[in-house]
Amino acid sequence: MYWHDCNKEPPVPEVEYEVLVLDYDIYHGTSWLQTHGKYHQEGYWDLWLDGFGWSSDSGYIPFYWIELPPYPPLPYEGPKCDYLYGDGYCTAQKNMPRCFCQGDKNKCEK
């Protein structure tokens, strides 16, 4: 993982990145804060801070940025197959995406 310097290697505008900004706390001193940032062609950053939304005037200045790989596809969260046991076999709706049994009770999802 390689962190790019924001001044020497500015990123492509209008894409979301992970950025490091310096944060100061009176109890803990100076530390890195990692957050999301969007760089604009005009040379300023919008930062996502504290879950309140995007801000371009937060007072934080990103020092480093990194592009994250794309997220993997979300797993299917739809309905499971509706199945019934009867006469030693399983019956189900074949049009359901997770219906595996189709008459074989050994393939019924439990």
C-alpha atoms as a PDB file:
ATOM      1  CA  MET A   1       0.000   0.000   0.000  1.00  0.00           C
ATOM      2  CA  TYR A   2       1.542   3.250  -1.120  1.00  0.00           C
ATOM      3  CA  TRP A   3       0.387   6.633   0.201  1.00  0.00           C
ATOM      4  CA  HIS A   4       0.771   9.426  -2.382  1.00  0.00           C
ATOM      5  CA  ASP A   5       1.863  12.918  -1.357  1.00  0.00           C
ATOM      6  CA  CYS A   6      -1.029  15.348  -1.993  1.00  0.00           C
ATOM      7  CA  ASN A   7       1.273  18.172  -3.123  1.00  0.00           C
ATOM      8  CA  LYS A   8       3.724  16.189  -5.252  1.00  0.00           C
ATOM      9  CA  GLU A   9       1.226  13.698  -6.715  1.00  0.00           C
ATOM     10  CA  PRO A  10      -2.274  15.211  -6.770  1.00  0.00           C
ATOM     11  CA  PRO A  11      -4.992  12.666  -7.559  1.00  0.00           C
ATOM     12  CA  VAL A  12      -7.542  12.612 -10.360  1.00  0.00           C
ATOM     13  CA  PRO A  13     -10.370  15.063  -9.557  1.00  0.00           C
ATOM     14  CA  GLU A  14     -13.902  14.023  -8.566  1.00  0.00           C
ATOM     15  CA  VAL A  15     -12.941  10.539  -7.336  1.00  0.00           C
ATOM     16  CA  GLU A  16     -13.248   9.420  -3.708  1.00  0.00           C
ATOM     17  CA  TYR A  17     -10.015   8.482  -1.925  1.00  0.00           C
ATOM     18  CA  GLU A  18      -8.796   7.613   1.547  1.00  0.00           C
ATOM     19  CA  VAL A  19      -6.773  10.505   2.940  1.00  0.00           C
ATOM     20  CA  LEU A  20      -4.579  11.199   5.965  1.00  0.00           C
ATOM     21  CA  VAL A  21      -4.900  14.537   7.766  1.00  0.00           C
ATOM     22  CA  LEU A  22      -3.144  15.740  10.897  1.00  0.00           C
ATOM     23  CA  ASP A  23      -5.418  15.949  13.906  1.00  0.00           C
ATOM     24  CA  TYR A  24      -4.626  17.621  17.210  1.00  0.00           C
ATOM     25  CA  ASP A  25      -6.193  16.676  20.528  1.00  0.00           C
ATOM     26  CA  ILE A  26      -5.240  18.495  23.745  1.00  0.00           C
ATOM     27  CA  TYR A  27      -5.121  15.169  25.586  1.00  0.00           C
ATOM     28  CA  HIS A  28      -3.318  12.994  23.018  1.00  0.00           C
ATOM     29  CA  GLY A  29      -1.376  15.501  20.923  1.00  0.00           C
ATOM     30  CA  THR A  30      -0.924  15.238  17.169  1.00  0.00           C
ATOM     31  CA  SER A  31      -1.943  12.086  15.299  1.00  0.00           C
ATOM     32  CA  TRP A  32      -3.008  10.948  11.849  1.00  0.00           C
ATOM     33  CA  LEU A  33      -6.717  10.872  11.081  1.00  0.00           C
ATOM     34  CA  GLN A  34      -7.827   8.668   8.192  1.00  0.00           C
ATOM     35  CA  THR A  35     -11.015   9.654   6.379  1.00  0.00           C
ATOM     36  CA  HIS A  36     -12.609   9.847   2.926  1.00  0.00           C
ATOM     37  CA  GLY A  37     -11.792  12.730   0.605  1.00  0.00           C
ATOM     38  CA  LYS A  38     -12.746  14.010  -2.837  1.00  0.00           C
ATOM     39  CA  TYR A  39     -10.228  16.148  -4.671  1.00  0.00           C
ATOM     40  CA  HIS A  40     -11.515  18.945  -6.920  1.00  0.00           C
ATOM     41  CA  GLN A  41      -9.836  20.314 -10.024  1.00  0.00           C
ATOM     42  CA  GLU A  42      -9.757  23.758  -8.397  1.00  0.00           C
ATOM     43  CA  GLY A  43      -7.273  22.356  -5.858  1.00  0.00           C
ATOM     44  CA  TYR A  44      -9.403  21.862  -2.755  1.00  0.00           C
ATOM     45  CA  TRP A  45     -10.655  18.757  -0.948  1.00  0.00           C
ATOM     46  CA  ASP A  46     -14.073  17.773   0.375  1.00  0.00           C
ATOM     47  CA  LEU A  47     -13.596  15.618   3.483  1.00  0.00           C
ATOM     48  CA  TRP A  48     -15.991  13.252   5.212  1.00  0.00           C
ATOM     49  CA  LEU A  49     -15.721  13.991   8.924  1.00  0.00           C
ATOM     50  CA  ASP A  50     -17.553  12.554  11.929  1.00  0.00           C
ATOM     51  CA  GLY A  51     -20.339  11.108   9.811  1.00  0.00           C
ATOM     52  CA  PHE A  52     -22.016  14.498   9.353  1.00  0.00           C
ATOM     53  CA  GLY A  53     -21.325  14.766   5.636  1.00  0.00           C
ATOM     54  CA  TRP A  54     -18.876  16.294   3.192  1.00  0.00           C
ATOM     55  CA  SER A  55     -17.091  19.502   4.141  1.00  0.00           C
ATOM     56  CA  SER A  56     -14.705  21.678   2.151  1.00  0.00           C
ATOM     57  CA  ASP A  57     -14.029  24.106   5.018  1.00  0.00           C
ATOM     58  CA  SER A  58     -13.254  21.779   7.937  1.00  0.00           C
ATOM     59  CA  GLY A  59      -9.799  23.237   8.561  1.00  0.00           C
ATOM     60  CA  TYR A  60      -8.115  19.895   7.876  1.00  0.00           C
ATOM     61  CA  ILE A  61      -5.562  19.637   5.075  1.00  0.00           C
ATOM     62  CA  PRO A  62      -4.925  16.195   3.557  1.00  0.00           C
ATOM     63  CA  PHE A  63      -1.239  15.280   3.374  1.00  0.00           C
ATOM     64  CA  TYR A  64      -1.492  11.824   1.775  1.00  0.00           C
ATOM     65  CA  TRP A  65      -4.035   9.950  -0.321  1.00  0.00           C
ATOM     66  CA  ILE A  66      -4.554   6.389  -1.524  1.00  0.00           C
ATOM     67  CA  GLU A  67      -7.029   4.878  -3.966  1.00  0.00           C
ATOM     68  CA  LEU A  68      -8.880   1.890  -2.594  1.00  0.00           C
ATOM     69  CA  PRO A  69      -9.774  -1.091  -4.781  1.00  0.00           C
ATOM     70  CA  PRO A  70     -13.442  -1.411  -5.743  1.00  0.00           C
ATOM     71  CA  TYR A  71     -15.738  -3.136  -3.271  1.00  0.00           C
ATOM     72  CA  PRO A  72     -16.665  -6.759  -3.992  1.00  0.00           C
ATOM     73  CA  PRO A  73     -20.253  -7.399  -5.091  1.00  0.00           C
ATOM     74  CA  LEU A  74     -22.817  -7.586  -2.308  1.00  0.00           C
ATOM     75  CA  PRO A  75     -24.061 -11.078  -1.431  1.00  0.00           C
ATOM     76  CA  TYR A  76     -27.615 -11.882  -2.391  1.00  0.00           C
ATOM     77  CA  GLU A  77     -29.912 -11.005   0.510  1.00  0.00           C
ATOM     78  CA  GLY A  78     -33.210 -11.866  -1.116  1.00  0.00           C
ATOM     79  CA  PRO A  79     -35.742 -14.420   0.069  1.00  0.00           C
ATOM     80  CA  LYS A  80     -34.708 -17.989   0.636  1.00  0.00           C
ATOM     81  CA  CYS A  81     -36.669 -20.656  -1.130  1.00  0.00           C
ATOM     82  CA  ASP A  82     -40.010 -21.600   0.357  1.00  0.00           C
ATOM     83  CA  TYR A  83     -40.009 -25.350   0.717  1.00  0.00           C
ATOM     84  CA  LEU A  84     -42.368 -27.951   2.091  1.00  0.00           C
ATOM     85  CA  TYR A  85     -41.612 -31.499   3.136  1.00  0.00           C
ATOM     86  CA  GLY A  86     -44.129 -34.050   2.038  1.00  0.00           C
ATOM     87  CA  ASP A  87     -44.087 -37.697   0.986  1.00  0.00           C
ATOM     88  CA  GLY A  88     -40.307 -37.857   1.441  1.00  0.00           C
ATOM     89  CA  TYR A  89     -39.440 -35.007  -0.894  1.00  0.00           C
ATOM     90  CA  CYS A  90     -39.178 -31.231  -0.948  1.00  0.00           C
ATOM     91  CA  THR A  91     -41.279 -28.953  -3.114  1.00  0.00           C
ATOM     92  CA  ALA A  92     -40.357 -25.341  -3.710  1.00  0.00           C
ATOM     93  CA  GLN A  93     -40.988 -22.376  -5.934  1.00  0.00           C
ATOM     94  CA  LYS A  94     -38.543 -22.752  -8.813  1.00  0.00           C
ATOM     95  CA  ASN A  95     -38.588 -19.034  -9.626  1.00  0.00           C
ATOM     96  CA  MET A  96     -36.915 -18.056  -6.362  1.00  0.00           C
ATOM     97  CA  PRO A  97     -33.179 -17.165  -6.753  1.00  0.00           C
ATOM     98  CA  ARG A  98     -32.019 -19.332  -3.849  1.00  0.00           C
ATOM     99  CA  CYS A  99     -34.270 -22.312  -4.449  1.00  0.00           C
ATOM    100  CA  PHE A 100     -32.005 -25.340  -4.740  1.00  0.00           C
ATOM    101  CA  CYS A 101     -34.189 -28.301  -3.913  1.00  0.00           C
ATOM    102  CA  GLN A 102     -36.586 -28.723  -6.873  1.00  0.00           C
ATOM    103  CA  GLY A 103     -38.024 -31.957  -5.520  1.00  0.00           C
ATOM    104  CA  ASP A 104     -34.893 -33.414  -3.869  1.00  0.00           C
ATOM    105  CA  LYS A 105     -35.098 -33.201  -0.064  1.00  0.00           C
ATOM    106  CA  ASN A 106     -31.285 -33.575   0.212  1.00  0.00           C
ATOM    107  CA  LYS A 107     -30.812 -30.261  -1.596  1.00  0.00           C
ATOM    108  CA  CYS A 108     -33.275 -28.250   0.498  1.00  0.00           C
ATOM    109  CA  GLU A 109     -31.708 -25.227   2.133  1.00  0.00           C
ATOM    110  CA  LYS A 110     -32.410 -25.183   5.846  1.00  0.00           C
END
